[in-house]
C-alpha atoms as a PDB file:
ATOM      1  CA  MET A   1      25.847  48.051-115.571  1.00  0.00           C
ATOM      2  CA  LYS A   2      28.484  45.861-113.898  1.00  0.00           C
ATOM      3  CA  ARG A   3      28.490  48.052-110.798  1.00  0.00           C
ATOM      4  CA  LEU A   4      24.680  47.926-110.726  1.00  0.00           C
ATOM      5  CA  MET A   5      24.621  44.157-110.843  1.00  0.00           C
ATOM      6  CA  THR A   6      27.165  43.985-108.120  1.00  0.00           C
ATOM      7  CA  LEU A   7      25.257  46.053-105.868  1.00  0.00           C
ATOM      8  CA  SER A   8      21.964  44.065-106.483  1.00  0.00           C
ATOM      9  CA  LEU A   9      23.867  40.779-105.531  1.00  0.00           C
ATOM     10  CA  LEU A  10      25.071  42.386-102.386  1.00  0.00           C
ATOM     11  CA  VAL A  11      21.683  43.611-101.532  1.00  0.00           C
ATOM     12  CA  SER A  12      20.113  40.228-102.224  1.00  0.00           C
ATOM     13  CA  ALA A  13      22.754  38.340-100.092  1.00  0.00           C
ATOM     14  CA  ALA A  14      22.295  40.706 -97.117  1.00  0.00           C
ATOM     15  CA  SER A  15      18.368  40.166 -97.358  1.00  0.00           C
ATOM     16  CA  VAL A  16      18.810  36.491 -97.326  1.00  0.00           C
ATOM     17  CA  THR A  17      21.084  36.800 -94.371  1.00  0.00           C
ATOM     18  CA  PHE A  18      18.674  39.092 -92.282  1.00  0.00           C
ATOM     19  CA  ALA A  19      15.531  36.979 -93.181  1.00  0.00           C
ATOM     20  CA  ALA A  20      17.113  33.734 -92.064  1.00  0.00           C
ATOM     21  CA  PRO A  21      15.552  32.752 -88.786  1.00  0.00           C
ATOM     22  CA  ALA A  22      17.336  32.657 -85.657  1.00  0.00           C
ATOM     23  CA  PRO A  23      18.749  29.167 -84.585  1.00  0.00           C
ATOM     24  CA  VAL A  24      16.116  27.423 -82.619  1.00  0.00           C
ATOM     25  CA  SER A  25      18.325  24.743 -81.314  1.00  0.00           C
ATOM     26  CA  ASP A  26      20.281  27.066 -78.957  1.00  0.00           C
ATOM     27  CA  LEU A  27      17.143  28.485 -77.348  1.00  0.00           C
ATOM     28  CA  ASN A  28      15.654  25.157 -76.700  1.00  0.00           C
ATOM     29  CA  SER A  29      19.014  23.797 -75.274  1.00  0.00           C
ATOM     30  CA  THR A  30      19.150  26.751 -73.047  1.00  0.00           C
ATOM     31  CA  THR A  31      15.466  26.269 -71.750  1.00  0.00           C
ATOM     32  CA  GLN A  32      15.888  22.506 -71.190  1.00  0.00           C
ATOM     33  CA  SER A  33      19.044  23.287 -69.263  1.00  0.00           C
ATOM     34  CA  ALA A  34      17.372  25.496 -66.841  1.00  0.00           C
ATOM     35  CA  SER A  35      14.464  23.273 -66.609  1.00  0.00           C
ATOM     36  CA  ALA A  36      16.694  20.295 -65.839  1.00  0.00           C
ATOM     37  CA  SER A  37      18.627  22.362 -63.243  1.00  0.00           C
ATOM     38  CA  SER A  38      15.331  23.405 -61.646  1.00  0.00           C
ATOM     39  CA  SER A  39      14.003  19.725 -61.461  1.00  0.00           C
ATOM     40  CA  SER A  40      17.232  18.603 -60.027  1.00  0.00           C
ATOM     41  CA  GLU A  41      17.152  20.951 -57.174  1.00  0.00           C
ATOM     42  CA  SER A  42      13.515  19.952 -56.464  1.00  0.00           C
ATOM     43  CA  SER A  43      14.272  16.416 -56.083  1.00  0.00           C
ATOM     44  CA  VAL A  44      17.199  16.895 -53.712  1.00  0.00           C
ATOM     45  CA  GLN A  45      15.102  19.102 -51.752  1.00  0.00           C
ATOM     46  CA  ARG A  46      12.464  16.502 -51.615  1.00  0.00           C
ATOM     47  CA  LEU A  47      14.709  13.768 -50.693  1.00  0.00           C
ATOM     48  CA  GLU A  48      16.125  15.955 -47.957  1.00  0.00           C
ATOM     49  CA  ARG A  49      12.637  16.651 -46.547  1.00  0.00           C
ATOM     50  CA  LEU A  50      11.848  13.006 -46.698  1.00  0.00           C
ATOM     51  CA  LEU A  51      14.938  12.104 -44.812  1.00  0.00           C
ATOM     52  CA  GLN A  52      14.344  14.585 -42.151  1.00  0.00           C
ATOM     53  CA  ASN A  53      10.806  13.284 -41.680  1.00  0.00           C
ATOM     54  CA  SER A  54      12.074   9.842 -41.294  1.00  0.00           C
ATOM     55  CA  ASN A  55      14.643  10.967 -38.791  1.00  0.00           C
ATOM     56  CA  ARG A  56      11.973  12.561 -36.821  1.00  0.00           C
ATOM     57  CA  LEU A  57       9.635   9.653 -36.818  1.00  0.00           C
ATOM     58  CA  GLN A  58      12.566   7.304 -35.777  1.00  0.00           C
ATOM     59  CA  VAL A  59      13.384   9.650 -32.788  1.00  0.00           C
ATOM     60  CA  ASN A  60       9.542   9.749 -31.816  1.00  0.00           C
ATOM     61  CA  LEU A  61       9.287   5.997 -32.019  1.00  0.00           C
ATOM     62  CA  GLN A  62      12.396   5.551 -30.022  1.00  0.00           C
ATOM     63  CA  GLN A  63      11.060   7.893 -27.349  1.00  0.00           C
ATOM     64  CA  GLN A  64       7.758   5.840 -27.311  1.00  0.00           C
ATOM     65  CA  VAL A  65       9.788   2.658 -26.808  1.00  0.00           C
ATOM     66  CA  ASP A  66      11.831   4.181 -24.086  1.00  0.00           C
ATOM     67  CA  ASP A  67       8.696   5.489 -22.328  1.00  0.00           C
ATOM     68  CA  MET A  68       6.972   2.215 -22.460  1.00  0.00           C
ATOM     69  CA  SER A  69      10.057   0.264 -21.086  1.00  0.00           C
ATOM     70  CA  LEU A  70      10.171   2.707 -18.195  1.00  0.00           C
ATOM     71  CA  GLU A  71       6.489   2.136 -17.469  1.00  0.00           C
ATOM     72  CA  ILE A  72       6.879  -1.526 -17.864  1.00  0.00           C
ATOM     73  CA  SER A  73       9.686  -1.403 -15.157  1.00  0.00           C
ATOM     74  CA  GLU A  74       7.697   0.669 -12.837  1.00  0.00           C
ATOM     75  CA  LEU A  75       4.734  -1.688 -13.056  1.00  0.00           C
ATOM     76  CA  ARG A  76       7.028  -4.606 -12.668  1.00  0.00           C
ATOM     77  CA  GLY A  77       8.409  -2.906  -9.517  1.00  0.00           C
ATOM     78  CA  ALA A  78       4.886  -2.169  -8.202  1.00  0.00           C
ATOM     79  CA  LEU A  79       4.013  -5.825  -8.637  1.00  0.00           C
ATOM     80  CA  GLU A  80       6.861  -7.124  -6.949  1.00  0.00           C
ATOM     81  CA  GLN A  81       6.331  -4.828  -3.953  1.00  0.00           C
ATOM     82  CA  SER A  82       2.632  -5.643  -3.851  1.00  0.00           C
ATOM     83  CA  GLN A  83       3.618  -9.568  -3.791  1.00  0.00           C
ATOM     84  CA  TYR A  84       6.160  -8.666  -1.092  1.00  0.00           C
ATOM     85  CA  ASP A  85       3.613  -6.724   0.940  1.00  0.00           C
ATOM     86  CA  SER A  86       1.120  -9.556   0.495  1.00  0.00           C
ATOM     87  CA  ASN A  87       3.562 -12.089   1.748  1.00  0.00           C
ATOM     88  CA  GLN A  88       4.450 -10.025   4.779  1.00  0.00           C
ATOM     89  CA  MET A  89       0.799  -9.530   5.640  1.00  0.00           C
ATOM     90  CA  VAL A  90       0.191 -13.319   5.572  1.00  0.00           C
ATOM     91  CA  LEU A  91       3.259 -13.773   7.755  1.00  0.00           C
ATOM     92  CA  ARG A  92       2.164 -11.126  10.265  1.00  0.00           C
ATOM     93  CA  GLN A  93      -1.415 -12.720  10.396  1.00  0.00           C
ATOM     94  CA  LYS A  94       0.131 -16.095  11.134  1.00  0.00           C
ATOM     95  CA  GLU A  95       2.274 -14.532  13.933  1.00  0.00           C
ATOM     96  CA  LEU A  96      -0.820 -12.708  15.123  1.00  0.00           C
ATOM     97  CA  PHE A  97      -2.836 -15.767  15.426  1.00  0.00           C
ATOM     98  CA  ILE A  98      -0.257 -17.498  17.469  1.00  0.00           C
ATOM     99  CA  GLU A  99       0.041 -14.370  19.715  1.00  0.00           C
ATOM    100  CA  LEU A 100      -3.858 -14.046  20.263  1.00  0.00           C
ATOM    101  CA  ASP A 101      -4.079 -17.723  20.938  1.00  0.00           C
ATOM    102  CA  LYS A 102      -1.224 -17.575  23.379  1.00  0.00           C
ATOM    103  CA  MET A 103      -2.694 -14.486  25.110  1.00  0.00           C
ATOM    104  CA  ARG A 104      -6.079 -16.061  25.586  1.00  0.00           C
ATOM    105  CA  THR A 105      -4.608 -19.297  27.082  1.00  0.00           C
ATOM    106  CA  GLU A 106      -2.446 -16.998  29.322  1.00  0.00           C
ATOM    107  CA  LEU A 107      -5.411 -14.843  30.459  1.00  0.00           C
ATOM    108  CA  ALA A 108      -7.737 -17.964  30.889  1.00  0.00           C
ATOM    109  CA  GLU A 109      -5.116 -19.533  33.184  1.00  0.00           C
ATOM    110  CA  LEU A 110      -4.481 -16.447  35.142  1.00  0.00           C
ATOM    111  CA  LYS A 111      -8.211 -15.874  35.557  1.00  0.00           C
ATOM    112  CA  GLN A 112      -8.662 -19.436  36.824  1.00  0.00           C
ATOM    113  CA  ASN A 113      -5.799 -18.937  39.408  1.00  0.00           C
ATOM    114  CA  GLY A 114      -6.970 -15.414  40.385  1.00  0.00           C
ATOM    115  CA  VAL A 115      -3.636 -13.729  39.215  1.00  0.00           C
ATOM    116  CA  ALA A 116      -3.189 -10.497  37.377  1.00  0.00           C
ATOM    117  CA  ALA A 117      -0.369 -11.016  34.992  1.00  0.00           C
ATOM    118  CA  ALA A 118       2.358  -8.489  33.877  1.00  0.00           C
ATOM    119  CA  VAL A 119       1.597  -6.127  36.793  1.00  0.00           C
ATOM    120  CA  PRO A 120       4.208  -5.569  39.582  1.00  0.00           C
ATOM    121  CA  VAL A 121       3.196  -6.930  43.019  1.00  0.00           C
ATOM    122  CA  ASP A 122       3.151  -3.545  44.697  1.00  0.00           C
ATOM    123  CA  VAL A 123       0.801  -2.315  42.083  1.00  0.00           C
ATOM    124  CA  GLN A 124      -1.480  -5.216  42.296  1.00  0.00           C
ATOM    125  CA  GLU A 125      -2.011  -4.453  46.008  1.00  0.00           C
ATOM    126  CA  GLN A 126      -3.241  -0.920  44.925  1.00  0.00           C
ATOM    127  CA  PRO A 127      -6.196  -1.098  42.338  1.00  0.00           C
ATOM    128  CA  GLN A 128      -5.512   0.960  39.290  1.00  0.00           C
ATOM    129  CA  THR A 129      -8.900   2.765  39.120  1.00  0.00           C
ATOM    130  CA  ALA A 130      -9.684   6.055  37.156  1.00  0.00           C
ATOM    131  CA  GLY A 131      -9.353   8.025  40.322  1.00  0.00           C
ATOM    132  CA  THR A 132      -5.883   6.544  41.341  1.00  0.00           C
ATOM    133  CA  TYR A 133      -2.983   8.986  40.581  1.00  0.00           C
ATOM    134  CA  THR A 134       0.638   9.271  41.650  1.00  0.00           C
ATOM    135  CA  ASP A 135       2.408  12.159  43.744  1.00  0.00           C
ATOM    136  CA  ASN A 136       5.485  11.901  41.496  1.00  0.00           C
ATOM    137  CA  GLU A 137       5.209  15.192  39.500  1.00  0.00           C
ATOM    138  CA  ALA A 138       7.532  14.048  36.651  1.00  0.00           C
ATOM    139  CA  GLU A 139       5.568  10.844  36.245  1.00  0.00           C
ATOM    140  CA  LYS A 140       2.261  12.825  35.967  1.00  0.00           C
ATOM    141  CA  ALA A 141       3.880  15.497  33.717  1.00  0.00           C
ATOM    142  CA  ALA A 142       5.125  12.530  31.308  1.00  0.00           C
ATOM    143  CA  TYR A 143       1.729  10.869  31.213  1.00  0.00           C
ATOM    144  CA  GLN A 144      -0.114  14.054  30.532  1.00  0.00           C
ATOM    145  CA  THR A 145       2.344  15.058  27.953  1.00  0.00           C
ATOM    146  CA  ALA A 146       1.814  11.963  26.060  1.00  0.00           C
ATOM    147  CA  VAL A 147      -1.970  12.303  26.384  1.00  0.00           C
ATOM    148  CA  ASP A 148      -1.878  15.865  25.126  1.00  0.00           C
ATOM    149  CA  LEU A 149       0.086  14.690  21.977  1.00  0.00           C
ATOM    150  CA  VAL A 150      -3.066  12.536  21.040  1.00  0.00           C
ATOM    151  CA  ILE A 151      -5.928  14.781  22.164  1.00  0.00           C
ATOM    152  CA  LYS A 152      -4.702  18.315  21.678  1.00  0.00           C
ATOM    153  CA  GLN A 153      -1.770  18.060  18.925  1.00  0.00           C
ATOM    154  CA  ARG A 154      -3.127  14.911  17.238  1.00  0.00           C
ATOM    155  CA  ASP A 155       0.611  14.020  16.685  1.00  0.00           C
ATOM    156  CA  TYR A 156       0.062  10.156  16.912  1.00  0.00           C
ATOM    157  CA  ASP A 157       3.561   9.268  16.007  1.00  0.00           C
ATOM    158  CA  ALA A 158       4.957  11.543  18.722  1.00  0.00           C
ATOM    159  CA  ALA A 159       2.283  10.200  21.106  1.00  0.00           C
ATOM    160  CA  LEU A 160       3.335   6.671  20.452  1.00  0.00           C
ATOM    161  CA  THR A 161       6.992   7.290  21.157  1.00  0.00           C
ATOM    162  CA  ALA A 162       5.942   9.179  24.388  1.00  0.00           C
ATOM    163  CA  PHE A 163       3.870   6.366  25.718  1.00  0.00           C
ATOM    164  CA  GLU A 164       6.462   3.800  24.817  1.00  0.00           C
ATOM    165  CA  ALA A 165       9.023   5.964  26.775  1.00  0.00           C
ATOM    166  CA  PHE A 166       6.547   6.518  29.706  1.00  0.00           C
ATOM    167  CA  ASN A 167       6.204   2.669  30.089  1.00  0.00           C
ATOM    168  CA  LYS A 168       9.797   2.061  29.975  1.00  0.00           C
ATOM    169  CA  ASP A 169      10.540   5.021  32.550  1.00  0.00           C
ATOM    170  CA  TYR A 170       7.715   4.095  34.920  1.00  0.00           C
ATOM    171  CA  PRO A 171       7.096   0.383  34.569  1.00  0.00           C
ATOM    172  CA  GLN A 172       5.103   0.304  37.801  1.00  0.00           C
ATOM    173  CA  SER A 173       3.184   3.449  37.192  1.00  0.00           C
ATOM    174  CA  VAL A 174      -0.514   3.773  38.379  1.00  0.00           C
ATOM    175  CA  TYR A 175      -1.203   4.961  34.847  1.00  0.00           C
ATOM    176  CA  SER A 176       0.236   1.797  33.294  1.00  0.00           C
ATOM    177  CA  ALA A 177      -3.064   0.390  32.143  1.00  0.00           C
ATOM    178  CA  ASN A 178      -4.257   3.672  30.754  1.00  0.00           C
ATOM    179  CA  SER A 179      -0.869   4.263  28.934  1.00  0.00           C
ATOM    180  CA  ASN A 180      -0.933   0.813  27.449  1.00  0.00           C
ATOM    181  CA  TYR A 181      -4.522   1.280  26.154  1.00  0.00           C
ATOM    182  CA  TRP A 182      -3.410   4.539  24.494  1.00  0.00           C
ATOM    183  CA  LEU A 183      -0.553   2.540  22.998  1.00  0.00           C
ATOM    184  CA  GLY A 184      -2.949  -0.221  21.803  1.00  0.00           C
ATOM    185  CA  GLN A 185      -5.123   2.371  20.154  1.00  0.00           C
ATOM    186  CA  LEU A 186      -2.342   4.039  18.460  1.00  0.00           C
ATOM    187  CA  TYR A 187      -0.794   0.743  17.128  1.00  0.00           C
ATOM    188  CA  PHE A 188      -4.385  -0.273  16.202  1.00  0.00           C
ATOM    189  CA  THR A 189      -4.697   2.700  13.958  1.00  0.00           C
ATOM    190  CA  LYS A 190      -1.465   2.191  12.309  1.00  0.00           C
ATOM    191  CA  LYS A 191      -2.564  -1.476  11.654  1.00  0.00           C
ATOM    192  CA  GLU A 192       0.450  -2.802  13.567  1.00  0.00           C
ATOM    193  CA  ASP A 193      -1.771  -5.576  15.120  1.00  0.00           C
ATOM    194  CA  ILE A 194       0.732  -7.558  16.992  1.00  0.00           C
ATOM    195  CA  ASP A 195       2.089  -4.665  18.982  1.00  0.00           C
ATOM    196  CA  SER A 196      -1.526  -3.362  19.453  1.00  0.00           C
ATOM    197  CA  ALA A 197      -2.707  -6.759  20.670  1.00  0.00           C
ATOM    198  CA  LYS A 198       0.234  -7.027  23.344  1.00  0.00           C
ATOM    199  CA  ALA A 199      -0.561  -3.527  24.598  1.00  0.00           C
ATOM    200  CA  PHE A 200      -4.269  -4.410  24.946  1.00  0.00           C
ATOM    201  CA  ALA A 201      -3.568  -7.608  26.681  1.00  0.00           C
ATOM    202  CA  ILE A 202      -1.500  -5.725  29.264  1.00  0.00           C
ATOM    203  CA  VAL A 203      -4.630  -3.719  30.138  1.00  0.00           C
ATOM    204  CA  VAL A 204      -6.795  -6.812  30.102  1.00  0.00           C
ATOM    205  CA  SER A 205      -4.331  -8.556  32.678  1.00  0.00           C
ATOM    206  CA  ASN A 206      -5.246  -5.752  35.033  1.00  0.00           C
ATOM    207  CA  GLN A 207      -8.724  -6.755  36.377  1.00  0.00           C
ATOM    208  CA  ASP A 208      -9.420  -3.373  38.069  1.00  0.00           C
ATOM    209  CA  SER A 209      -8.738  -1.180  35.025  1.00  0.00           C
ATOM    210  CA  ASN A 210     -11.645   0.788  33.783  1.00  0.00           C
ATOM    211  CA  LYS A 211     -10.331   0.204  30.204  1.00  0.00           C
ATOM    212  CA  ARG A 212     -10.299  -3.540  30.581  1.00  0.00           C
ATOM    213  CA  ALA A 213     -13.573  -4.172  28.681  1.00  0.00           C
ATOM    214  CA  ASP A 214     -12.682  -1.867  25.914  1.00  0.00           C
ATOM    215  CA  ALA A 215      -9.371  -3.511  25.464  1.00  0.00           C
ATOM    216  CA  LEU A 216     -11.137  -6.980  25.220  1.00  0.00           C
ATOM    217  CA  VAL A 217     -13.204  -5.534  22.451  1.00  0.00           C
ATOM    218  CA  LYS A 218     -10.262  -4.151  20.752  1.00  0.00           C
ATOM    219  CA  LEU A 219      -8.555  -7.612  20.756  1.00  0.00           C
ATOM    220  CA  GLY A 220     -11.878  -9.038  19.296  1.00  0.00           C
ATOM    221  CA  GLU A 221     -11.623  -6.463  16.497  1.00  0.00           C
ATOM    222  CA  ILE A 222      -7.888  -7.254  15.948  1.00  0.00           C
ATOM    223  CA  ALA A 223      -8.717 -10.982  15.647  1.00  0.00           C
ATOM    224  CA  ALA A 224     -11.681 -10.220  13.267  1.00  0.00           C
ATOM    225  CA  ARG A 225      -9.680  -7.989  11.143  1.00  0.00           C
ATOM    226  CA  ASN A 226      -6.951 -10.637  10.596  1.00  0.00           C
ATOM    227  CA  GLY A 227      -9.553 -13.321   9.855  1.00  0.00           C
ATOM    228  CA  ASN A 228      -9.564 -15.162  13.157  1.00  0.00           C
ATOM    229  CA  VAL A 229     -13.352 -15.164  13.567  1.00  0.00           C
ATOM    230  CA  THR A 230     -13.150 -17.826  16.452  1.00  0.00           C
ATOM    231  CA  ALA A 231     -10.968 -15.829  18.458  1.00  0.00           C
ATOM    232  CA  ALA A 232     -12.786 -12.718  17.906  1.00  0.00           C
ATOM    233  CA  LYS A 233     -16.088 -14.316  19.037  1.00  0.00           C
ATOM    234  CA  GLN A 234     -14.402 -15.467  22.133  1.00  0.00           C
ATOM    235  CA  TYR A 235     -13.245 -11.998  23.146  1.00  0.00           C
ATOM    236  CA  TYR A 236     -16.537 -10.499  22.479  1.00  0.00           C
ATOM    237  CA  GLN A 237     -18.310 -13.169  24.452  1.00  0.00           C
ATOM    238  CA  GLN A 238     -16.069 -12.456  27.407  1.00  0.00           C
ATOM    239  CA  VAL A 239     -17.125  -8.955  27.372  1.00  0.00           C
ATOM    240  CA  LEU A 240     -20.778  -9.970  27.380  1.00  0.00           C
ATOM    241  CA  ASP A 241     -20.148 -12.337  30.198  1.00  0.00           C
ATOM    242  CA  GLU A 242     -18.304 -10.011  32.480  1.00  0.00           C
ATOM    243  CA  TYR A 243     -19.657  -6.712  31.636  1.00  0.00           C
ATOM    244  CA  GLN A 244     -23.372  -7.080  31.089  1.00  0.00           C
ATOM    245  CA  GLY A 245     -25.281  -3.952  30.521  1.00  0.00           C
ATOM    246  CA  SER A 246     -22.148  -1.834  29.842  1.00  0.00           C
ATOM    247  CA  ALA A 247     -21.384   0.177  26.720  1.00  0.00           C
ATOM    248  CA  SER A 248     -18.646  -2.190  25.890  1.00  0.00           C
ATOM    249  CA  ALA A 249     -20.981  -5.072  26.220  1.00  0.00           C
ATOM    250  CA  THR A 250     -23.347  -3.431  23.692  1.00  0.00           C
ATOM    251  CA  LYS A 251     -20.410  -2.927  21.161  1.00  0.00           C
ATOM    252  CA  ALA A 252     -19.197  -6.366  21.768  1.00  0.00           C
ATOM    253  CA  GLY A 253     -22.733  -7.612  21.003  1.00  0.00           C
ATOM    254  CA  GLU A 254     -22.832  -5.527  17.692  1.00  0.00           C
ATOM    255  CA  ARG A 255     -19.486  -6.922  16.588  1.00  0.00           C
ATOM    256  CA  MET A 256     -20.543 -10.523  17.402  1.00  0.00           C
ATOM    257  CA  GLN A 257     -23.755 -10.122  15.305  1.00  0.00           C
ATOM    258  CA  ALA A 258     -21.824  -8.684  12.465  1.00  0.00           C
ATOM    259  CA  LEU A 259     -19.609 -11.931  12.409  1.00  0.00           C
ATOM    260  CA  ASN A 260     -22.460 -14.197  12.201  1.00  0.00           C
END
């Protein structure tokens, strides 16, 4: 009987032991620890991502600031250059007005006295007409080379240099008037009006040049382009008075009408 009771007690104890529920606190603790770890890693990654985005935004903003600073500097430089060019243009216009008035005065005095200015005496005695030429082969070649640079090659910068050299090498050439007319045209195209006016004035000083009327028209155009309407009208009127019925007179009349 004692042995039976002892075995019964042992069986009951074992049943209670096996029937007892597993400790819940340990399982919850493990789950919460894993969840906390996962949540902690997500926060760090999020902060890193935000920091990276902030850095990229800052870099982009700095680049935009640098670009805008560069553009502002370029605009400021362009404005300063424009102001300088404008001031230089006003200065050139003043110089040109003085030069044109001086030329008109000199030409009027020379015409009154019957003298052709800026032309050597030995050339004055031989009218420089379209049919006049020289026997100097080097002189003819130099002049033709300069003309070909304009007409055939259209190298205007080289042509300008060639005509300048020709006038220097052959100051008494029978082609002097034509050479200076070419120079006037080339400088006129480059809008270097003072040099252009000087070249055309030399042509005008030669009463026998077949380009004289055209040179007067060009002097009028230079004056008009620079706002000296009075001088422009005087040049056009001179063409109308001295070359009635010519193509140059027709052009001068049209230019005169455009100024009114």
